[in-house]
N, C-alpha and C. Protein backbone atom coordinates (compact mmCIF):
# COMPACT_ATOMS: atom_id res chain seq x y z
N UNK A 1 -5.95 -24.23 27.96
CA UNK A 1 -5.15 -23.07 27.47
C UNK A 1 -6.14 -22.18 26.68
N UNK A 2 -7.10 -22.72 25.96
CA UNK A 2 -7.96 -21.83 25.15
C UNK A 2 -8.89 -21.02 26.18
N UNK A 3 -9.16 -21.57 27.28
CA UNK A 3 -9.94 -20.84 28.25
C UNK A 3 -9.20 -19.58 28.69
N UNK A 4 -7.93 -19.71 29.01
CA UNK A 4 -7.06 -18.65 29.41
C UNK A 4 -7.02 -17.53 28.33
N UNK A 5 -6.91 -17.98 27.05
CA UNK A 5 -6.77 -16.92 25.98
C UNK A 5 -8.13 -16.19 25.94
N UNK A 6 -9.24 -16.96 25.94
CA UNK A 6 -10.58 -16.37 25.92
C UNK A 6 -10.75 -15.39 27.04
N UNK A 7 -10.33 -15.84 28.26
CA UNK A 7 -10.46 -14.86 29.45
C UNK A 7 -9.64 -13.60 29.21
N UNK A 8 -8.44 -13.73 28.62
CA UNK A 8 -7.55 -12.60 28.44
C UNK A 8 -8.22 -11.64 27.35
N UNK A 9 -8.82 -12.24 26.36
CA UNK A 9 -9.40 -11.44 25.29
C UNK A 9 -10.70 -10.81 25.84
N UNK A 10 -11.36 -11.45 26.61
CA UNK A 10 -12.62 -10.93 27.30
C UNK A 10 -12.28 -9.74 28.17
N UNK A 11 -11.10 -9.89 28.93
CA UNK A 11 -10.64 -8.72 29.74
C UNK A 11 -10.24 -7.55 28.93
N UNK A 12 -9.55 -7.79 27.81
CA UNK A 12 -9.15 -6.66 26.87
C UNK A 12 -10.32 -5.99 26.28
N UNK A 13 -11.35 -6.84 25.92
CA UNK A 13 -12.55 -6.14 25.36
C UNK A 13 -13.30 -5.30 26.39
N UNK A 14 -13.38 -5.86 27.62
CA UNK A 14 -14.03 -5.12 28.72
C UNK A 14 -13.24 -3.82 28.97
N UNK A 15 -11.97 -3.83 28.94
CA UNK A 15 -11.09 -2.59 29.10
C UNK A 15 -11.34 -1.62 27.99
N UNK A 16 -11.42 -2.08 26.78
CA UNK A 16 -11.77 -1.13 25.62
C UNK A 16 -13.11 -0.54 25.77
N UNK A 17 -14.09 -1.21 26.29
CA UNK A 17 -15.40 -0.71 26.47
C UNK A 17 -15.34 0.28 27.66
N UNK A 18 -14.63 -0.04 28.73
CA UNK A 18 -14.56 0.88 29.89
C UNK A 18 -13.81 2.23 29.53
N UNK A 19 -12.81 2.05 28.61
CA UNK A 19 -12.01 3.23 28.15
C UNK A 19 -12.79 4.12 27.13
N UNK A 20 -13.90 3.50 26.61
CA UNK A 20 -14.62 4.23 25.55
C UNK A 20 -14.02 4.15 24.20
N UNK A 21 -13.08 3.20 23.98
CA UNK A 21 -12.44 3.00 22.69
C UNK A 21 -12.93 1.75 21.88
N UNK A 22 -13.84 1.11 22.40
CA UNK A 22 -14.34 -0.16 21.72
C UNK A 22 -15.10 0.32 20.40
N UNK A 23 -14.81 -0.33 19.32
CA UNK A 23 -15.48 0.04 18.06
C UNK A 23 -16.53 -1.01 17.78
N UNK A 24 -17.74 -0.60 17.76
CA UNK A 24 -18.87 -1.40 17.41
C UNK A 24 -19.20 -1.35 15.97
N UNK A 25 -19.20 -2.44 15.32
CA UNK A 25 -19.47 -2.46 13.89
C UNK A 25 -20.99 -2.21 13.65
N UNK A 26 -21.33 -1.51 12.55
CA UNK A 26 -22.66 -1.10 12.22
C UNK A 26 -22.97 -1.74 10.89
N UNK A 27 -24.24 -1.96 10.70
CA UNK A 27 -24.77 -2.40 9.44
C UNK A 27 -25.45 -1.23 8.76
N UNK A 28 -25.08 -1.10 7.43
CA UNK A 28 -25.74 -0.10 6.54
C UNK A 28 -26.65 -0.69 5.58
N UNK A 29 -27.90 -0.25 5.56
CA UNK A 29 -28.87 -0.83 4.71
C UNK A 29 -29.44 0.12 3.66
N UNK A 30 -28.53 1.00 3.16
CA UNK A 30 -28.80 2.01 2.21
C UNK A 30 -27.55 2.32 1.40
N UNK A 31 -27.75 3.08 0.29
CA UNK A 31 -26.59 3.67 -0.35
C UNK A 31 -25.81 4.56 0.50
N UNK A 32 -24.47 4.70 0.26
CA UNK A 32 -23.72 5.71 0.99
C UNK A 32 -24.26 7.11 0.53
N UNK A 33 -24.42 7.99 1.56
CA UNK A 33 -24.91 9.31 1.32
C UNK A 33 -24.82 10.15 2.59
N UNK A 34 -25.28 11.32 2.62
CA UNK A 34 -25.29 12.11 3.85
C UNK A 34 -26.37 11.55 4.86
N UNK A 35 -27.37 10.97 4.28
CA UNK A 35 -28.44 10.32 5.16
C UNK A 35 -28.37 8.82 4.74
N UNK A 36 -28.25 8.00 5.76
CA UNK A 36 -28.22 6.52 5.53
C UNK A 36 -29.13 5.84 6.47
N UNK A 37 -29.40 4.61 6.23
CA UNK A 37 -30.14 3.79 7.14
C UNK A 37 -29.11 2.77 7.71
N UNK A 38 -28.92 2.88 9.06
CA UNK A 38 -27.88 2.09 9.75
C UNK A 38 -28.24 1.81 11.16
N UNK A 39 -27.50 0.84 11.71
CA UNK A 39 -27.60 0.49 13.13
C UNK A 39 -26.72 -0.56 13.56
N UNK A 40 -26.67 -0.84 14.75
CA UNK A 40 -25.77 -1.95 15.35
C UNK A 40 -26.24 -3.24 14.69
N UNK A 41 -25.26 -4.07 14.45
CA UNK A 41 -25.62 -5.45 13.79
C UNK A 41 -26.44 -6.16 14.70
N UNK A 42 -27.56 -6.63 14.21
CA UNK A 42 -28.50 -7.43 15.00
C UNK A 42 -29.71 -6.51 15.53
N UNK A 43 -29.51 -5.23 15.40
CA UNK A 43 -30.58 -4.32 15.92
C UNK A 43 -31.34 -3.71 14.69
N UNK A 44 -32.48 -3.32 14.76
CA UNK A 44 -33.13 -2.73 13.59
C UNK A 44 -32.50 -1.41 13.17
N UNK A 45 -32.22 -1.27 11.85
CA UNK A 45 -31.60 0.05 11.40
C UNK A 45 -32.56 1.15 11.43
N UNK A 46 -32.02 2.35 11.54
CA UNK A 46 -32.83 3.55 11.52
C UNK A 46 -32.16 4.65 10.68
N UNK A 47 -32.94 5.63 10.22
CA UNK A 47 -32.34 6.79 9.50
C UNK A 47 -31.42 7.59 10.36
N UNK A 48 -30.17 7.82 9.87
CA UNK A 48 -29.21 8.62 10.63
C UNK A 48 -28.43 9.52 9.67
N UNK A 49 -27.75 10.56 10.22
CA UNK A 49 -26.94 11.37 9.41
C UNK A 49 -25.57 10.67 9.48
N UNK A 50 -24.91 10.66 8.27
CA UNK A 50 -23.58 9.97 8.09
C UNK A 50 -22.52 11.00 8.11
N UNK A 51 -21.88 11.18 9.30
CA UNK A 51 -20.68 12.07 9.43
C UNK A 51 -19.31 11.37 9.23
N UNK A 52 -19.28 10.12 9.09
CA UNK A 52 -18.00 9.44 9.08
C UNK A 52 -17.57 8.82 7.88
N UNK A 53 -18.21 9.13 6.69
CA UNK A 53 -17.81 8.60 5.34
C UNK A 53 -16.86 9.53 4.75
N UNK A 54 -16.04 8.95 3.76
CA UNK A 54 -15.14 9.80 3.06
C UNK A 54 -15.77 10.28 1.65
N UNK A 55 -17.09 10.34 1.70
CA UNK A 55 -17.79 10.70 0.48
C UNK A 55 -17.95 12.16 0.40
N UNK A 56 -16.89 12.91 0.52
CA UNK A 56 -16.97 14.46 0.61
C UNK A 56 -17.69 15.05 -0.56
N UNK A 57 -17.53 14.51 -1.77
CA UNK A 57 -18.11 15.17 -2.90
C UNK A 57 -19.48 14.60 -3.28
N UNK A 58 -19.94 13.65 -2.52
CA UNK A 58 -21.29 13.13 -2.72
C UNK A 58 -21.37 12.22 -3.99
N UNK A 59 -20.21 11.68 -4.40
CA UNK A 59 -20.19 10.82 -5.58
C UNK A 59 -20.65 9.39 -5.36
N UNK A 60 -20.58 8.92 -4.15
CA UNK A 60 -20.99 7.54 -3.94
C UNK A 60 -22.34 7.21 -4.37
N UNK A 61 -23.33 8.13 -4.30
CA UNK A 61 -24.66 7.83 -4.80
C UNK A 61 -25.10 8.81 -5.85
N UNK A 62 -24.15 9.43 -6.58
CA UNK A 62 -24.56 10.31 -7.69
C UNK A 62 -24.89 9.50 -8.88
N UNK A 63 -26.12 9.84 -9.47
CA UNK A 63 -26.69 9.06 -10.57
C UNK A 63 -25.74 8.92 -11.83
N UNK A 64 -24.98 9.91 -12.07
CA UNK A 64 -24.02 9.85 -13.24
C UNK A 64 -22.86 8.82 -12.93
N UNK A 65 -22.39 8.80 -11.61
CA UNK A 65 -21.33 7.82 -11.31
C UNK A 65 -21.90 6.44 -11.28
N UNK A 66 -23.13 6.28 -10.80
CA UNK A 66 -23.72 4.93 -10.83
C UNK A 66 -23.86 4.39 -12.18
N UNK A 67 -24.32 5.27 -13.13
CA UNK A 67 -24.51 4.85 -14.48
C UNK A 67 -23.23 4.47 -15.15
N UNK A 68 -22.14 5.26 -14.88
CA UNK A 68 -20.84 4.94 -15.44
C UNK A 68 -20.31 3.66 -14.90
N UNK A 69 -20.56 3.41 -13.62
CA UNK A 69 -20.15 2.12 -13.00
C UNK A 69 -20.83 0.98 -13.68
N UNK A 70 -22.11 1.10 -13.85
CA UNK A 70 -22.91 0.03 -14.62
C UNK A 70 -22.27 -0.33 -15.95
N UNK A 71 -21.90 0.79 -16.68
CA UNK A 71 -21.34 0.60 -18.08
C UNK A 71 -19.97 -0.19 -17.86
N UNK A 72 -19.21 0.34 -16.96
CA UNK A 72 -17.81 -0.32 -16.74
C UNK A 72 -18.03 -1.69 -16.38
N UNK A 73 -19.01 -2.04 -15.45
CA UNK A 73 -19.15 -3.49 -15.14
C UNK A 73 -19.49 -4.31 -16.36
N UNK A 74 -20.42 -3.78 -17.24
CA UNK A 74 -20.77 -4.53 -18.46
C UNK A 74 -19.61 -4.73 -19.38
N UNK A 75 -18.74 -3.73 -19.44
CA UNK A 75 -17.64 -3.76 -20.44
C UNK A 75 -16.36 -4.40 -19.85
N UNK A 76 -16.08 -4.30 -18.50
CA UNK A 76 -14.85 -4.77 -18.00
C UNK A 76 -14.94 -5.76 -16.90
N UNK A 77 -16.17 -5.99 -16.33
CA UNK A 77 -16.28 -6.82 -15.26
C UNK A 77 -16.02 -6.14 -13.90
N UNK A 78 -15.77 -6.76 -12.83
CA UNK A 78 -15.70 -6.28 -11.56
C UNK A 78 -14.21 -6.20 -11.04
N UNK A 79 -13.56 -5.13 -11.11
CA UNK A 79 -12.17 -5.01 -10.51
C UNK A 79 -11.08 -5.63 -11.19
N UNK A 80 -9.98 -5.51 -10.69
CA UNK A 80 -8.74 -6.02 -11.28
C UNK A 80 -8.26 -7.34 -10.66
N UNK A 81 -8.81 -7.64 -9.49
CA UNK A 81 -8.54 -8.91 -8.77
C UNK A 81 -7.06 -8.83 -8.24
N UNK A 82 -6.37 -7.77 -8.30
CA UNK A 82 -5.11 -7.56 -7.55
C UNK A 82 -4.62 -6.14 -7.77
N UNK A 83 -3.41 -5.77 -7.31
CA UNK A 83 -2.91 -4.48 -7.47
C UNK A 83 -2.24 -4.32 -8.81
N UNK A 84 -2.16 -3.09 -9.23
CA UNK A 84 -1.73 -2.76 -10.60
C UNK A 84 -0.34 -3.33 -10.87
N UNK A 85 0.59 -3.50 -9.92
CA UNK A 85 1.91 -3.99 -10.23
C UNK A 85 1.96 -5.47 -10.29
N UNK A 86 0.86 -6.12 -10.08
CA UNK A 86 0.78 -7.60 -10.29
C UNK A 86 -0.02 -7.92 -11.54
N UNK A 87 -1.24 -7.38 -11.67
CA UNK A 87 -2.12 -7.66 -12.80
C UNK A 87 -2.00 -6.70 -13.94
N UNK A 88 -1.42 -5.48 -13.65
CA UNK A 88 -1.38 -4.50 -14.67
C UNK A 88 -2.35 -3.41 -14.33
N UNK A 89 -2.42 -2.32 -15.15
CA UNK A 89 -3.23 -1.15 -14.91
C UNK A 89 -4.21 -1.06 -16.05
N UNK A 90 -5.54 -0.88 -15.67
CA UNK A 90 -6.56 -0.74 -16.83
C UNK A 90 -6.29 0.48 -17.67
N UNK A 91 -6.48 0.46 -18.89
CA UNK A 91 -6.30 1.63 -19.73
C UNK A 91 -7.24 2.68 -19.33
N UNK A 92 -8.38 2.41 -18.72
CA UNK A 92 -9.34 3.45 -18.23
C UNK A 92 -8.74 4.18 -17.06
N UNK A 93 -7.93 3.46 -16.24
CA UNK A 93 -7.37 4.07 -15.07
C UNK A 93 -6.27 5.06 -15.57
N UNK A 94 -5.41 4.64 -16.47
CA UNK A 94 -4.35 5.39 -17.09
C UNK A 94 -4.89 6.66 -17.72
N UNK A 95 -6.06 6.49 -18.41
CA UNK A 95 -6.69 7.67 -18.99
C UNK A 95 -7.13 8.62 -17.99
N UNK A 96 -7.79 8.11 -16.91
CA UNK A 96 -8.27 9.00 -15.83
C UNK A 96 -7.09 9.73 -15.11
N UNK A 97 -6.02 9.00 -14.93
CA UNK A 97 -4.80 9.63 -14.35
C UNK A 97 -4.23 10.74 -15.11
N UNK A 98 -4.23 10.51 -16.38
CA UNK A 98 -3.73 11.54 -17.34
C UNK A 98 -4.72 12.82 -17.40
N UNK A 99 -6.02 12.50 -17.27
CA UNK A 99 -7.00 13.62 -17.33
C UNK A 99 -6.90 14.45 -16.07
N UNK A 100 -6.73 13.68 -14.88
CA UNK A 100 -6.54 14.41 -13.54
C UNK A 100 -5.32 15.21 -13.55
N UNK A 101 -4.22 14.68 -14.10
CA UNK A 101 -3.00 15.47 -14.17
C UNK A 101 -3.19 16.76 -15.01
N UNK A 102 -3.78 16.62 -16.06
CA UNK A 102 -4.08 17.86 -16.93
C UNK A 102 -4.94 18.86 -16.14
N UNK A 103 -6.05 18.32 -15.51
CA UNK A 103 -7.02 19.19 -14.70
C UNK A 103 -6.14 19.95 -13.65
N UNK A 104 -5.36 19.21 -12.92
CA UNK A 104 -4.63 19.73 -11.78
C UNK A 104 -3.34 20.51 -12.20
N UNK A 105 -2.96 20.43 -13.43
CA UNK A 105 -1.75 21.06 -14.05
C UNK A 105 -0.52 20.49 -13.30
N UNK A 106 -0.53 19.16 -13.20
CA UNK A 106 0.65 18.52 -12.65
C UNK A 106 1.28 17.60 -13.71
N UNK A 107 2.42 17.10 -13.52
CA UNK A 107 3.15 16.25 -14.32
C UNK A 107 2.47 14.87 -14.61
N UNK A 108 1.89 14.40 -13.39
CA UNK A 108 1.23 13.05 -13.46
C UNK A 108 0.34 12.97 -12.25
N UNK A 109 -0.47 11.97 -12.19
CA UNK A 109 -1.30 11.64 -11.01
C UNK A 109 -1.37 10.08 -10.97
N UNK A 110 -1.76 9.67 -9.81
CA UNK A 110 -1.89 8.25 -9.56
C UNK A 110 -3.19 8.00 -8.75
N UNK A 111 -3.92 6.90 -9.18
CA UNK A 111 -5.14 6.58 -8.45
C UNK A 111 -4.81 5.53 -7.41
N UNK A 112 -5.44 5.59 -6.27
CA UNK A 112 -5.31 4.68 -5.13
C UNK A 112 -6.72 4.14 -4.85
N UNK A 113 -6.86 2.92 -4.47
CA UNK A 113 -8.03 2.20 -4.22
C UNK A 113 -8.67 2.60 -2.87
N UNK A 114 -7.88 3.18 -1.97
CA UNK A 114 -8.38 3.66 -0.66
C UNK A 114 -7.53 4.76 -0.18
N UNK A 115 -8.13 5.47 0.83
CA UNK A 115 -7.30 6.57 1.43
C UNK A 115 -6.15 5.98 2.24
N UNK A 116 -6.37 4.75 2.84
CA UNK A 116 -5.28 4.12 3.53
C UNK A 116 -4.09 3.89 2.60
N UNK A 117 -4.35 3.37 1.44
CA UNK A 117 -3.26 3.13 0.48
C UNK A 117 -2.63 4.42 -0.08
N UNK A 118 -3.40 5.45 -0.22
CA UNK A 118 -2.86 6.74 -0.64
C UNK A 118 -2.02 7.30 0.43
N UNK A 119 -2.38 7.25 1.69
CA UNK A 119 -1.53 7.69 2.80
C UNK A 119 -0.16 6.86 2.93
N UNK A 120 -0.32 5.57 2.69
CA UNK A 120 0.88 4.75 2.72
C UNK A 120 1.80 5.17 1.62
N UNK A 121 1.31 5.51 0.45
CA UNK A 121 2.11 5.92 -0.67
C UNK A 121 2.85 7.26 -0.40
N UNK A 122 2.14 8.14 0.25
CA UNK A 122 2.68 9.44 0.60
C UNK A 122 3.83 9.17 1.56
N UNK A 123 3.54 8.43 2.64
CA UNK A 123 4.69 8.26 3.60
C UNK A 123 5.88 7.57 3.04
N UNK A 124 5.67 6.54 2.24
CA UNK A 124 6.78 5.85 1.60
C UNK A 124 7.63 6.81 0.75
N UNK A 125 6.96 7.72 0.03
CA UNK A 125 7.67 8.62 -0.95
C UNK A 125 8.43 9.73 -0.13
N UNK A 126 7.88 10.17 0.94
CA UNK A 126 8.30 11.32 1.61
C UNK A 126 9.26 11.12 2.73
N UNK A 127 9.10 9.99 3.42
CA UNK A 127 9.84 9.66 4.63
C UNK A 127 10.89 8.56 4.39
N UNK A 128 12.01 8.80 5.16
CA UNK A 128 13.04 7.80 5.08
C UNK A 128 13.25 7.13 6.50
N UNK A 129 14.32 6.36 6.55
CA UNK A 129 14.55 5.71 7.80
C UNK A 129 14.97 6.71 9.01
N UNK A 130 15.45 7.91 8.61
CA UNK A 130 15.82 8.88 9.63
C UNK A 130 14.67 9.77 10.08
N UNK A 131 13.50 9.65 9.51
CA UNK A 131 12.42 10.53 9.84
C UNK A 131 11.46 9.79 10.83
N UNK A 132 10.67 10.67 11.46
CA UNK A 132 9.69 10.20 12.48
C UNK A 132 8.29 10.89 12.18
N UNK A 133 7.31 10.18 12.42
CA UNK A 133 5.95 10.72 12.34
C UNK A 133 5.32 10.76 13.75
N UNK A 134 4.95 11.94 14.14
CA UNK A 134 4.39 12.11 15.45
C UNK A 134 2.85 12.29 15.26
N UNK A 135 2.00 11.49 15.91
CA UNK A 135 0.57 11.59 15.70
C UNK A 135 -0.13 11.53 16.96
N UNK A 136 -1.34 12.22 17.15
CA UNK A 136 -1.99 12.21 18.35
C UNK A 136 -2.88 10.92 18.34
N UNK A 137 -3.53 10.69 19.57
CA UNK A 137 -4.31 9.48 19.80
C UNK A 137 -5.57 9.39 18.88
N UNK A 138 -6.04 10.55 18.40
CA UNK A 138 -7.33 10.48 17.71
C UNK A 138 -7.11 10.44 16.08
N UNK A 139 -5.82 10.33 15.72
CA UNK A 139 -5.56 10.25 14.32
C UNK A 139 -5.84 8.82 13.77
């Protein structure tokens, strides 16, 4: 039975490669930036331009952000270990949300740990059972 499953998975992977939709994981050996050192896992990394990150403002390797992260690690440790509705919300996060809301002239703001979570939050808030989302294959 395992051989049949392995054969089926191998065929599916071969089809993904043939269709040009196979995603090859890469190893990054540098800080996130517009220029990174990266390559296929197991192959020697090389300098490349990074067009696929969500680091639009260049904050991932900004010296002030790195220094603030070091201070936060020393004072608070690493992360919350769960979502805010289970463990609670750090007072630092609440303060940042309030500052963002004032800056944006909005009633409130909320931080999300990833763009995936933010998009999920938008869809939950805006869409109901009677709504449909139509998306193209490249989304």
